[in-house]
Amino acid sequence: MVEKKAPIPIKALKDNLLLVPLPQEKEEISKGGILLPGTAQKKMLPYNKGVVLAVGPSLNIEMDGGTSQIPDWIKPGMIVYYHQAAGWNVPFGDDVYVIVSWRQIECMVAPEYMEWKSKTTS
């Protein structure tokens, strides 16, 4: 029997993406040789990472001349990086989602890498 997924409670509108933020874990060793987990560091990474849950419908060409068309290569399930000042958090129940414009995505994890990674770790 196929298990049904719960519907996503929030929809992305316009040229926005709905993301689930991923934790930023970066371990570092202090000058004294102590391992500092990401939660104990004072430095903030200049980016955030998230998984695309939903892609908005874009704006129609009549509204903006086609400049807000979301590229075809942005799809749900992709891991993307965006600047820490981009987007905004949307708390919903116990979960927190992030809304960002597709233009605020700085880079993504290549799907080929994700396929390769899953094959090598299983």
Protein backbone atom coordinates (compact mmCIF):
# COMPACT_ATOMS: atom_id res chain seq x y z
CA MET A 1 0.00 0.00 0.00
CA VAL A 2 1.31 3.46 -0.90
CA GLU A 3 1.53 5.87 2.01
CA LYS A 4 -0.05 9.26 1.36
CA LYS A 5 2.01 12.34 2.10
CA ALA A 6 0.45 15.11 4.15
CA PRO A 7 -0.37 18.16 2.03
CA ILE A 8 1.91 21.16 2.39
CA PRO A 9 -0.02 23.71 4.48
CA ILE A 10 1.45 26.75 2.73
CA LYS A 11 1.55 27.52 -1.01
CA ALA A 12 4.22 29.55 -2.73
CA LEU A 13 2.82 32.46 -4.72
CA LYS A 14 4.22 34.72 -7.46
CA ASP A 15 7.88 33.98 -8.19
CA ASN A 16 8.61 32.60 -4.73
CA LEU A 17 9.87 29.28 -3.46
CA LEU A 18 8.77 27.54 -0.27
CA LEU A 19 11.74 25.96 1.54
CA VAL A 20 12.35 23.85 4.60
CA PRO A 21 15.50 25.22 6.22
CA LEU A 22 18.30 22.75 6.89
CA PRO A 23 20.54 23.06 9.95
CA GLN A 24 23.89 24.75 9.47
CA GLU A 25 26.39 22.51 11.19
CA LYS A 26 29.97 23.56 10.83
CA GLU A 27 32.43 22.15 13.32
CA GLU A 28 35.57 24.06 14.08
CA ILE A 29 38.57 23.51 16.31
CA SER A 30 39.50 26.35 18.66
CA LYS A 31 43.09 27.55 19.15
CA GLY A 32 43.22 25.42 22.29
CA GLY A 33 42.26 22.29 20.33
CA ILE A 34 38.64 22.08 21.51
CA LEU A 35 36.09 20.94 18.95
CA LEU A 36 33.32 23.56 18.70
CA PRO A 37 30.02 22.32 17.25
CA GLY A 38 28.08 24.69 14.99
CA THR A 39 25.74 25.69 17.81
CA ALA A 40 28.61 26.98 19.99
CA GLN A 41 30.22 29.22 17.41
CA LYS A 42 29.80 32.96 17.40
CA LYS A 43 30.39 33.30 13.66
CA MET A 44 27.40 33.07 11.41
CA LEU A 45 27.74 31.47 8.00
CA PRO A 46 26.98 33.90 5.16
CA TYR A 47 24.37 31.57 3.71
CA ASN A 48 21.46 29.35 4.63
CA LYS A 49 20.56 26.02 3.13
CA GLY A 50 17.11 24.60 2.44
CA VAL A 51 15.10 22.03 0.53
CA VAL A 52 12.61 23.32 -2.04
CA LEU A 53 9.12 22.14 -1.06
CA ALA A 54 7.05 24.09 -3.57
CA VAL A 55 7.55 26.45 -6.50
CA GLY A 56 5.21 29.38 -7.11
CA PRO A 57 3.33 29.82 -10.38
CA SER A 58 5.44 32.87 -11.45
CA LEU A 59 3.91 36.08 -12.68
CA ASN A 60 2.35 36.13 -16.09
CA ILE A 61 4.19 37.81 -18.93
CA GLU A 62 1.66 40.66 -19.17
CA MET A 63 2.41 41.69 -15.57
CA ASP A 64 6.19 42.00 -15.76
CA GLY A 65 7.37 41.27 -19.28
CA GLY A 66 8.44 37.74 -18.34
CA THR A 67 11.17 38.68 -15.86
CA SER A 68 9.59 36.70 -13.01
CA GLN A 69 9.37 33.36 -14.76
CA ILE A 70 10.85 30.69 -12.49
CA PRO A 71 13.37 28.57 -14.42
CA ASP A 72 12.37 24.99 -15.22
CA TRP A 73 15.39 23.58 -13.42
CA ILE A 74 14.12 24.69 -9.99
CA LYS A 75 12.08 21.75 -8.72
CA PRO A 76 10.79 20.47 -5.37
CA GLY A 77 13.33 18.31 -3.58
CA MET A 78 16.38 20.36 -4.61
CA ILE A 79 18.83 21.58 -2.00
CA VAL A 80 19.58 25.26 -2.49
CA TYR A 81 21.74 27.90 -0.82
CA TYR A 82 20.54 31.43 -0.23
CA HIS A 83 22.04 34.45 1.52
CA GLN A 84 21.28 34.67 5.24
CA ALA A 85 19.51 38.01 4.75
CA ALA A 86 17.26 36.64 1.99
CA GLY A 87 13.71 35.45 2.48
CA TRP A 88 11.69 35.30 5.64
CA ASN A 89 10.65 32.63 8.11
CA VAL A 90 7.02 31.56 8.23
CA PRO A 91 6.13 29.63 11.39
CA PHE A 92 3.19 27.29 10.91
CA GLY A 93 2.26 25.04 13.82
CA ASP A 94 5.42 23.28 15.02
CA ASP A 95 7.21 23.80 11.71
CA VAL A 96 9.08 26.74 10.24
CA TYR A 97 9.17 27.34 6.50
CA VAL A 98 11.15 29.90 4.51
CA ILE A 99 9.85 31.92 1.57
CA VAL A 100 12.43 33.27 -0.88
CA SER A 101 12.23 34.71 -4.37
CA TRP A 102 13.86 32.41 -6.91
CA ARG A 103 16.28 35.25 -7.68
CA GLN A 104 17.67 34.99 -4.13
CA ILE A 105 18.96 31.47 -4.71
CA GLU A 106 22.75 31.69 -4.96
CA CYS A 107 23.48 28.07 -5.89
CA MET A 108 22.11 24.55 -5.67
CA VAL A 109 23.43 21.07 -5.05
CA ALA A 110 23.66 19.39 -8.45
CA PRO A 111 21.09 16.58 -8.85
CA GLU A 112 23.82 14.36 -10.34
CA TYR A 113 25.79 14.70 -7.09
CA MET A 114 22.77 13.77 -4.98
CA GLU A 115 22.19 10.65 -7.11
CA TRP A 116 25.87 9.70 -6.88
CA LYS A 117 25.94 10.34 -3.12
CA SER A 118 22.87 8.16 -2.48
CA LYS A 119 24.42 5.30 -4.50
CA THR A 120 27.74 5.46 -2.67
CA THR A 121 26.28 5.63 0.84
CA SER A 122 23.74 2.82 0.49
